[in-house]
């Protein structure tokens, strides 16, 4: 069984609104629209999945924002695919992926990468692929970063494209030497319970590594950013060989370095 992690947006609702001239009242309206339009025309998420080699036994997982519109779209997609005979279709609304910049950056993106990393831990013989098609642009960008660092194939399709764009696992390793050189200082900044001591440790980090931390201000402890979470996890896992990724159109590759 493979696992497809699909970034979900509201293209289904947008397309419905354009076609009907009024918003859907519920997921049932969207489900009816999918059945009328078919995979390719209904929305970006189904269009992307349609163009990937997959089986009905694969795990199809959508992740979307906290918005009511996003949830409605994912409910319709889930119901449609289950009715089509897919055996495992799930979705989650990510806490903090909201239309408010501070919450989105501080909470949403961190929860997003934690969510993706959790699914990369799944033991799936068919491997994992990320489909970064729907949702906020930053949602798509960070999904792509996870794919690059963990050498998981990433797929994307734009509204009017008739074929997928593939970002395959890159045949290069990431240089962790700077991170390794300052590992203890970074740990001190994150583990200290004294805001002043934590701030001093963060100040000793080179500028290139300070982007891994969020410094909320005097009297408050530094926090790990979404980028920091991804990078530290990728460093930790780079020593673990032979984790499967999706073998969709290319030879098998490995997570990590």
C-alpha atoms as a PDB file:
ATOM      1  CA  UNK A   1       0.000   0.000   0.000  1.00  0.00           C
ATOM      2  CA  UNK A   2       1.250   3.460  -0.919  1.00  0.00           C
ATOM      3  CA  UNK A   3       0.365   6.749   0.733  1.00  0.00           C
ATOM      4  CA  UNK A   4      -0.484   9.980  -1.092  1.00  0.00           C
ATOM      5  CA  UNK A   5      -0.383  13.132   1.036  1.00  0.00           C
ATOM      6  CA  UNK A   6      -2.466  15.710  -0.823  1.00  0.00           C
ATOM      7  CA  UNK A   7      -2.496  19.384   0.097  1.00  0.00           C
ATOM      8  CA  UNK A   8      -6.129  20.411  -0.099  1.00  0.00           C
ATOM      9  CA  UNK A   9      -7.635  23.785  -0.888  1.00  0.00           C
ATOM     10  CA  UNK A  10     -11.039  25.041  -1.967  1.00  0.00           C
ATOM     11  CA  UNK A  11     -10.762  24.725  -5.757  1.00  0.00           C
ATOM     12  CA  UNK A  12     -13.770  22.377  -5.659  1.00  0.00           C
ATOM     13  CA  UNK A  13     -15.898  25.073  -4.041  1.00  0.00           C
ATOM     14  CA  UNK A  14     -14.499  27.752  -6.364  1.00  0.00           C
ATOM     15  CA  UNK A  15     -15.318  25.705  -9.465  1.00  0.00           C
ATOM     16  CA  UNK A  16     -18.788  24.933  -8.122  1.00  0.00           C
ATOM     17  CA  UNK A  17     -19.435  28.636  -7.496  1.00  0.00           C
ATOM     18  CA  UNK A  18     -18.342  29.543 -11.041  1.00  0.00           C
ATOM     19  CA  UNK A  19     -20.569  26.868 -12.539  1.00  0.00           C
ATOM     20  CA  UNK A  20     -23.649  27.357 -10.362  1.00  0.00           C
ATOM     21  CA  UNK A  21     -23.478  31.051  -9.575  1.00  0.00           C
ATOM     22  CA  UNK A  22     -24.105  30.379  -5.883  1.00  0.00           C
ATOM     23  CA  UNK A  23     -22.070  28.730  -3.105  1.00  0.00           C
ATOM     24  CA  UNK A  24     -22.764  25.120  -2.102  1.00  0.00           C
ATOM     25  CA  UNK A  25     -24.989  24.575   0.913  1.00  0.00           C
ATOM     26  CA  UNK A  26     -23.062  21.503   2.004  1.00  0.00           C
ATOM     27  CA  UNK A  27     -20.729  18.709   0.955  1.00  0.00           C
ATOM     28  CA  UNK A  28     -23.641  16.946  -0.745  1.00  0.00           C
ATOM     29  CA  UNK A  29     -23.815  19.700  -3.367  1.00  0.00           C
ATOM     30  CA  UNK A  30     -20.094  19.360  -3.993  1.00  0.00           C
ATOM     31  CA  UNK A  31     -20.372  15.581  -4.248  1.00  0.00           C
ATOM     32  CA  UNK A  32     -23.053  15.931  -6.909  1.00  0.00           C
ATOM     33  CA  UNK A  33     -20.830  18.417  -8.770  1.00  0.00           C
ATOM     34  CA  UNK A  34     -17.881  15.993  -8.765  1.00  0.00           C
ATOM     35  CA  UNK A  35     -20.037  13.259 -10.248  1.00  0.00           C
ATOM     36  CA  UNK A  36     -21.213  15.612 -12.981  1.00  0.00           C
ATOM     37  CA  UNK A  37     -17.796  17.019 -13.870  1.00  0.00           C
ATOM     38  CA  UNK A  38     -15.525  14.017 -13.357  1.00  0.00           C
ATOM     39  CA  UNK A  39     -12.007  13.836 -11.925  1.00  0.00           C
ATOM     40  CA  UNK A  40     -10.213  16.209 -14.281  1.00  0.00           C
ATOM     41  CA  UNK A  41     -12.656  19.121 -14.230  1.00  0.00           C
ATOM     42  CA  UNK A  42     -14.033  19.017 -10.691  1.00  0.00           C
ATOM     43  CA  UNK A  43     -10.975  20.224  -8.772  1.00  0.00           C
ATOM     44  CA  UNK A  44      -7.185  20.346  -8.635  1.00  0.00           C
ATOM     45  CA  UNK A  45      -6.885  17.615  -5.993  1.00  0.00           C
ATOM     46  CA  UNK A  46      -8.727  14.958  -8.027  1.00  0.00           C
ATOM     47  CA  UNK A  47      -7.065  16.108 -11.247  1.00  0.00           C
ATOM     48  CA  UNK A  48      -3.662  15.530  -9.626  1.00  0.00           C
ATOM     49  CA  UNK A  49      -4.543  12.118  -8.202  1.00  0.00           C
ATOM     50  CA  UNK A  50      -6.042  11.075 -11.534  1.00  0.00           C
ATOM     51  CA  UNK A  51      -2.693  11.647 -13.258  1.00  0.00           C
ATOM     52  CA  UNK A  52      -0.672   9.644 -10.738  1.00  0.00           C
ATOM     53  CA  UNK A  53      -0.237   5.916 -10.913  1.00  0.00           C
ATOM     54  CA  UNK A  54      -2.129   4.643  -7.900  1.00  0.00           C
ATOM     55  CA  UNK A  55      -4.393   1.880  -6.662  1.00  0.00           C
ATOM     56  CA  UNK A  56      -7.673   1.936  -4.800  1.00  0.00           C
ATOM     57  CA  UNK A  57      -5.943   0.168  -1.916  1.00  0.00           C
ATOM     58  CA  UNK A  58      -3.522   3.092  -1.444  1.00  0.00           C
ATOM     59  CA  UNK A  59      -3.998   5.473   1.463  1.00  0.00           C
ATOM     60  CA  UNK A  60      -5.203   8.830   0.127  1.00  0.00           C
ATOM     61  CA  UNK A  61      -4.841  11.530   2.778  1.00  0.00           C
ATOM     62  CA  UNK A  62      -5.911  15.155   2.321  1.00  0.00           C
ATOM     63  CA  UNK A  63      -4.720  17.914   4.638  1.00  0.00           C
ATOM     64  CA  UNK A  64      -6.306  21.334   4.571  1.00  0.00           C
ATOM     65  CA  UNK A  65      -6.816  24.559   6.495  1.00  0.00           C
ATOM     66  CA  UNK A  66      -9.145  25.071   9.450  1.00  0.00           C
ATOM     67  CA  UNK A  67     -11.688  26.925   7.307  1.00  0.00           C
ATOM     68  CA  UNK A  68     -15.241  25.626   7.035  1.00  0.00           C
ATOM     69  CA  UNK A  69     -14.911  25.796   3.231  1.00  0.00           C
ATOM     70  CA  UNK A  70     -11.802  23.608   3.274  1.00  0.00           C
ATOM     71  CA  UNK A  71     -13.448  21.038   5.525  1.00  0.00           C
ATOM     72  CA  UNK A  72     -16.525  20.921   3.294  1.00  0.00           C
ATOM     73  CA  UNK A  73     -14.395  20.269   0.214  1.00  0.00           C
ATOM     74  CA  UNK A  74     -12.422  17.493   1.898  1.00  0.00           C
ATOM     75  CA  UNK A  75     -15.613  15.846   3.171  1.00  0.00           C
ATOM     76  CA  UNK A  76     -16.950  15.742  -0.386  1.00  0.00           C
ATOM     77  CA  UNK A  77     -13.679  14.342  -1.769  1.00  0.00           C
ATOM     78  CA  UNK A  78     -13.543  11.707   0.941  1.00  0.00           C
ATOM     79  CA  UNK A  79     -17.138  10.615   0.369  1.00  0.00           C
ATOM     80  CA  UNK A  80     -16.649  10.499  -3.392  1.00  0.00           C
ATOM     81  CA  UNK A  81     -13.499   8.361  -3.312  1.00  0.00           C
ATOM     82  CA  UNK A  82     -14.916   5.943  -0.750  1.00  0.00           C
ATOM     83  CA  UNK A  83     -17.991   5.510  -2.939  1.00  0.00           C
ATOM     84  CA  UNK A  84     -15.653   4.809  -5.877  1.00  0.00           C
ATOM     85  CA  UNK A  85     -14.142   1.883  -3.997  1.00  0.00           C
ATOM     86  CA  UNK A  86     -11.076   3.435  -2.406  1.00  0.00           C
ATOM     87  CA  UNK A  87     -10.467   1.658   0.861  1.00  0.00           C
ATOM     88  CA  UNK A  88      -8.597   4.277   2.917  1.00  0.00           C
ATOM     89  CA  UNK A  89      -9.394   7.959   2.427  1.00  0.00           C
ATOM     90  CA  UNK A  90      -8.783  10.374   5.289  1.00  0.00           C
ATOM     91  CA  UNK A  91      -8.428  14.096   5.844  1.00  0.00           C
ATOM     92  CA  UNK A  92      -7.291  16.442   8.583  1.00  0.00           C
ATOM     93  CA  UNK A  93      -7.731  20.163   9.113  1.00  0.00           C
ATOM     94  CA  UNK A  94      -4.418  21.575  10.336  1.00  0.00           C
ATOM     95  CA  UNK A  95      -4.615  23.748  13.443  1.00  0.00           C
ATOM     96  CA  UNK A  96      -3.388  27.283  12.777  1.00  0.00           C
ATOM     97  CA  UNK A  97      -3.718  27.245   8.992  1.00  0.00           C
ATOM     98  CA  UNK A  98      -5.961  30.289   9.066  1.00  0.00           C
ATOM     99  CA  UNK A  99      -6.131  33.652   7.338  1.00  0.00           C
ATOM    100  CA  UNK A 100      -4.186  35.424  10.064  1.00  0.00           C
ATOM    101  CA  UNK A 101      -0.477  35.863   9.396  1.00  0.00           C
ATOM    102  CA  UNK A 102       0.897  35.585  12.945  1.00  0.00           C
ATOM    103  CA  UNK A 103      -1.057  32.433  13.789  1.00  0.00           C
ATOM    104  CA  UNK A 104      -0.379  30.943  10.374  1.00  0.00           C
ATOM    105  CA  UNK A 105       3.377  31.379  10.711  1.00  0.00           C
ATOM    106  CA  UNK A 106       3.786  30.586  14.407  1.00  0.00           C
ATOM    107  CA  UNK A 107       1.294  27.718  14.726  1.00  0.00           C
ATOM    108  CA  UNK A 108      -0.060  26.610  11.356  1.00  0.00           C
ATOM    109  CA  UNK A 109       3.171  25.949   9.488  1.00  0.00           C
ATOM    110  CA  UNK A 110       4.691  24.138  12.465  1.00  0.00           C
ATOM    111  CA  UNK A 111       1.614  21.925  12.818  1.00  0.00           C
ATOM    112  CA  UNK A 112       1.682  21.312   9.074  1.00  0.00           C
ATOM    113  CA  UNK A 113       5.236  19.981   9.003  1.00  0.00           C
ATOM    114  CA  UNK A 114       4.612  17.927  12.157  1.00  0.00           C
ATOM    115  CA  UNK A 115       1.577  16.431  10.420  1.00  0.00           C
ATOM    116  CA  UNK A 116       3.552  15.513   7.311  1.00  0.00           C
ATOM    117  CA  UNK A 117       6.446  14.084   9.311  1.00  0.00           C
ATOM    118  CA  UNK A 118       3.998  11.896  11.204  1.00  0.00           C
ATOM    119  CA  UNK A 119       2.810  10.361   7.950  1.00  0.00           C
ATOM    120  CA  UNK A 120       6.365   9.819   6.766  1.00  0.00           C
ATOM    121  CA  UNK A 121       6.685   7.539   9.801  1.00  0.00           C
ATOM    122  CA  UNK A 122       3.942   5.286   8.466  1.00  0.00           C
ATOM    123  CA  UNK A 123       5.147   1.858   7.457  1.00  0.00           C
ATOM    124  CA  UNK A 124       3.854   1.685   3.901  1.00  0.00           C
ATOM    125  CA  UNK A 125       5.392  -0.798   1.493  1.00  0.00           C
ATOM    126  CA  UNK A 126       4.385   1.268  -1.516  1.00  0.00           C
ATOM    127  CA  UNK A 127       6.102   4.399  -0.227  1.00  0.00           C
ATOM    128  CA  UNK A 128       4.963   7.976   0.236  1.00  0.00           C
ATOM    129  CA  UNK A 129       4.402  10.845  -2.197  1.00  0.00           C
ATOM    130  CA  UNK A 130       3.392  14.452  -1.546  1.00  0.00           C
ATOM    131  CA  UNK A 131       0.917  16.143  -3.901  1.00  0.00           C
ATOM    132  CA  UNK A 132       1.373  19.862  -3.224  1.00  0.00           C
ATOM    133  CA  UNK A 133      -1.487  21.204  -5.306  1.00  0.00           C
ATOM    134  CA  UNK A 134      -4.123  22.907  -3.160  1.00  0.00           C
ATOM    135  CA  UNK A 135      -4.252  25.313  -0.267  1.00  0.00           C
ATOM    136  CA  UNK A 136      -2.309  28.402   0.751  1.00  0.00           C
ATOM    137  CA  UNK A 137       0.894  29.076  -1.202  1.00  0.00           C
ATOM    138  CA  UNK A 138       2.979  28.707   1.964  1.00  0.00           C
ATOM    139  CA  UNK A 139       1.228  25.391   2.629  1.00  0.00           C
ATOM    140  CA  UNK A 140       2.388  24.199  -0.784  1.00  0.00           C
ATOM    141  CA  UNK A 141       5.898  25.616  -0.312  1.00  0.00           C
ATOM    142  CA  UNK A 142       6.510  23.938   3.043  1.00  0.00           C
ATOM    143  CA  UNK A 143       5.119  20.646   1.760  1.00  0.00           C
ATOM    144  CA  UNK A 144       7.711  20.885  -1.006  1.00  0.00           C
ATOM    145  CA  UNK A 145      10.506  21.618   1.488  1.00  0.00           C
ATOM    146  CA  UNK A 146       9.579  18.464   3.424  1.00  0.00           C
ATOM    147  CA  UNK A 147       9.716  16.482   0.192  1.00  0.00           C
ATOM    148  CA  UNK A 148      13.138  17.850  -0.730  1.00  0.00           C
ATOM    149  CA  UNK A 149      14.768  17.269   2.666  1.00  0.00           C
ATOM    150  CA  UNK A 150      13.287  13.796   3.103  1.00  0.00           C
ATOM    151  CA  UNK A 151      13.773  12.825  -0.529  1.00  0.00           C
ATOM    152  CA  UNK A 152      10.097  12.147  -1.086  1.00  0.00           C
ATOM    153  CA  UNK A 153       8.701  12.822  -4.580  1.00  0.00           C
ATOM    154  CA  UNK A 154       6.534  15.932  -4.803  1.00  0.00           C
ATOM    155  CA  UNK A 155       3.894  16.513  -7.481  1.00  0.00           C
ATOM    156  CA  UNK A 156       2.108  19.690  -8.471  1.00  0.00           C
ATOM    157  CA  UNK A 157      -0.466  20.648 -11.056  1.00  0.00           C
ATOM    158  CA  UNK A 158      -1.537  24.182 -11.871  1.00  0.00           C
ATOM    159  CA  UNK A 159      -5.117  25.081 -12.762  1.00  0.00           C
ATOM    160  CA  UNK A 160      -4.813  24.907 -16.542  1.00  0.00           C
ATOM    161  CA  UNK A 161      -2.011  22.338 -16.830  1.00  0.00           C
ATOM    162  CA  UNK A 162      -2.864  19.009 -18.387  1.00  0.00           C
ATOM    163  CA  UNK A 163       0.063  17.167 -16.840  1.00  0.00           C
ATOM    164  CA  UNK A 164       1.786  16.989 -13.488  1.00  0.00           C
ATOM    165  CA  UNK A 165       5.019  18.719 -12.638  1.00  0.00           C
ATOM    166  CA  UNK A 166       7.253  16.314 -10.739  1.00  0.00           C
ATOM    167  CA  UNK A 167      10.021  17.231  -8.326  1.00  0.00           C
ATOM    168  CA  UNK A 168      11.744  13.869  -7.886  1.00  0.00           C
ATOM    169  CA  UNK A 169      14.005  13.001  -4.958  1.00  0.00           C
ATOM    170  CA  UNK A 170      17.214  14.893  -5.650  1.00  0.00           C
ATOM    171  CA  UNK A 171      20.436  12.868  -6.050  1.00  0.00           C
ATOM    172  CA  UNK A 172      22.284  15.079  -3.575  1.00  0.00           C
ATOM    173  CA  UNK A 173      22.769  15.213   0.179  1.00  0.00           C
ATOM    174  CA  UNK A 174      22.243  18.135   2.515  1.00  0.00           C
ATOM    175  CA  UNK A 175      25.306  19.576   4.250  1.00  0.00           C
ATOM    176  CA  UNK A 176      24.552  19.504   7.987  1.00  0.00           C
ATOM    177  CA  UNK A 177      28.048  20.597   9.078  1.00  0.00           C
ATOM    178  CA  UNK A 178      26.994  24.084  10.229  1.00  0.00           C
ATOM    179  CA  UNK A 179      24.107  22.618  12.202  1.00  0.00           C
ATOM    180  CA  UNK A 180      26.374  19.985  13.741  1.00  0.00           C
ATOM    181  CA  UNK A 181      28.998  22.581  14.684  1.00  0.00           C
ATOM    182  CA  UNK A 182      26.430  24.569  16.687  1.00  0.00           C
ATOM    183  CA  UNK A 183      24.269  21.718  17.932  1.00  0.00           C
ATOM    184  CA  UNK A 184      24.972  22.290  21.618  1.00  0.00           C
ATOM    185  CA  UNK A 185      24.305  26.026  21.390  1.00  0.00           C
ATOM    186  CA  UNK A 186      21.032  25.401  19.608  1.00  0.00           C
ATOM    187  CA  UNK A 187      20.044  22.826  22.223  1.00  0.00           C
ATOM    188  CA  UNK A 188      20.851  25.319  24.968  1.00  0.00           C
ATOM    189  CA  UNK A 189      18.649  27.952  23.335  1.00  0.00           C
ATOM    190  CA  UNK A 190      15.733  25.530  23.079  1.00  0.00           C
ATOM    191  CA  UNK A 191      16.094  23.642  26.366  1.00  0.00           C
ATOM    192  CA  UNK A 192      16.850  26.469  28.777  1.00  0.00           C
ATOM    193  CA  UNK A 193      14.034  27.502  31.103  1.00  0.00           C
ATOM    194  CA  UNK A 194      15.675  30.884  31.661  1.00  0.00           C
ATOM    195  CA  UNK A 195      14.576  33.346  28.936  1.00  0.00           C
ATOM    196  CA  UNK A 196      17.711  35.453  29.342  1.00  0.00           C
ATOM    197  CA  UNK A 197      20.062  32.449  29.083  1.00  0.00           C
ATOM    198  CA  UNK A 198      18.113  31.100  26.107  1.00  0.00           C
ATOM    199  CA  UNK A 199      18.327  34.480  24.369  1.00  0.00           C
ATOM    200  CA  UNK A 200      22.086  34.635  24.947  1.00  0.00           C
ATOM    201  CA  UNK A 201      22.514  31.162  23.470  1.00  0.00           C
ATOM    202  CA  UNK A 202      20.380  32.099  20.456  1.00  0.00           C
ATOM    203  CA  UNK A 203      22.531  35.210  20.017  1.00  0.00           C
ATOM    204  CA  UNK A 204      25.652  33.052  19.727  1.00  0.00           C
ATOM    205  CA  UNK A 205      24.214  31.188  16.752  1.00  0.00           C
ATOM    206  CA  UNK A 206      25.328  32.273  13.282  1.00  0.00           C
ATOM    207  CA  UNK A 207      22.722  34.216  11.329  1.00  0.00           C
ATOM    208  CA  UNK A 208      22.145  31.246   9.009  1.00  0.00           C
ATOM    209  CA  UNK A 209      20.844  29.183  11.950  1.00  0.00           C
ATOM    210  CA  UNK A 210      18.800  31.842  13.695  1.00  0.00           C
ATOM    211  CA  UNK A 211      16.063  31.322  11.078  1.00  0.00           C
ATOM    212  CA  UNK A 212      15.420  27.990  12.806  1.00  0.00           C
ATOM    213  CA  UNK A 213      14.205  29.853  15.892  1.00  0.00           C
ATOM    214  CA  UNK A 214      11.436  32.284  16.616  1.00  0.00           C
ATOM    215  CA  UNK A 215      12.437  34.882  19.200  1.00  0.00           C
ATOM    216  CA  UNK A 216       9.132  36.188  20.623  1.00  0.00           C
ATOM    217  CA  UNK A 217      10.699  38.954  22.700  1.00  0.00           C
ATOM    218  CA  UNK A 218      12.167  39.822  26.091  1.00  0.00           C
ATOM    219  CA  UNK A 219      11.121  37.508  28.883  1.00  0.00           C
ATOM    220  CA  UNK A 220       9.906  34.760  26.553  1.00  0.00           C
ATOM    221  CA  UNK A 221      11.610  31.552  25.481  1.00  0.00           C
ATOM    222  CA  UNK A 222      12.714  30.930  21.878  1.00  0.00           C
ATOM    223  CA  UNK A 223      10.550  28.589  19.834  1.00  0.00           C
ATOM    224  CA  UNK A 224      11.417  26.258  16.997  1.00  0.00           C
ATOM    225  CA  UNK A 225      10.080  27.445  13.643  1.00  0.00           C
ATOM    226  CA  UNK A 226       8.519  25.155  11.045  1.00  0.00           C
ATOM    227  CA  UNK A 227      11.735  25.274   9.028  1.00  0.00           C
ATOM    228  CA  UNK A 228      13.722  24.440  12.167  1.00  0.00           C
ATOM    229  CA  UNK A 229      11.476  21.446  12.871  1.00  0.00           C
ATOM    230  CA  UNK A 230      11.936  20.077   9.360  1.00  0.00           C
ATOM    231  CA  UNK A 231      15.690  20.584   9.342  1.00  0.00           C
ATOM    232  CA  UNK A 232      16.315  19.045  12.772  1.00  0.00           C
ATOM    233  CA  UNK A 233      14.107  16.057  11.964  1.00  0.00           C
ATOM    234  CA  UNK A 234      15.841  15.527   8.634  1.00  0.00           C
ATOM    235  CA  UNK A 235      19.220  15.630  10.390  1.00  0.00           C
ATOM    236  CA  UNK A 236      18.062  13.089  12.964  1.00  0.00           C
ATOM    237  CA  UNK A 237      16.706  10.751  10.301  1.00  0.00           C
ATOM    238  CA  UNK A 238      19.635  11.119   7.916  1.00  0.00           C
ATOM    239  CA  UNK A 239      21.367   8.335   9.837  1.00  0.00           C
ATOM    240  CA  UNK A 240      18.472   5.892   9.317  1.00  0.00           C
ATOM    241  CA  UNK A 241      18.784   4.041   5.978  1.00  0.00           C
ATOM    242  CA  UNK A 242      16.298   2.378   3.697  1.00  0.00           C
ATOM    243  CA  UNK A 243      12.997   4.036   4.485  1.00  0.00           C
ATOM    244  CA  UNK A 244      10.733   3.631   1.445  1.00  0.00           C
ATOM    245  CA  UNK A 245       9.452   6.424  -0.752  1.00  0.00           C
ATOM    246  CA  UNK A 246       6.928   6.121  -3.536  1.00  0.00           C
ATOM    247  CA  UNK A 247       8.164   4.226  -6.569  1.00  0.00           C
ATOM    248  CA  UNK A 248       5.765   5.855  -9.018  1.00  0.00           C
ATOM    249  CA  UNK A 249       7.787   6.506 -12.140  1.00  0.00           C
ATOM    250  CA  UNK A 250      11.412   6.108 -11.086  1.00  0.00           C
ATOM    251  CA  UNK A 251      13.714   3.657  -9.240  1.00  0.00           C
ATOM    252  CA  UNK A 252      13.428   3.431  -5.443  1.00  0.00           C
ATOM    253  CA  UNK A 253      15.226   6.042  -3.401  1.00  0.00           C
ATOM    254  CA  UNK A 254      15.869   6.575   0.283  1.00  0.00           C
ATOM    255  CA  UNK A 255      14.906   9.111   2.875  1.00  0.00           C
ATOM    256  CA  UNK A 256      17.820  10.988   4.329  1.00  0.00           C
ATOM    257  CA  UNK A 257      21.401  11.090   3.146  1.00  0.00           C
END
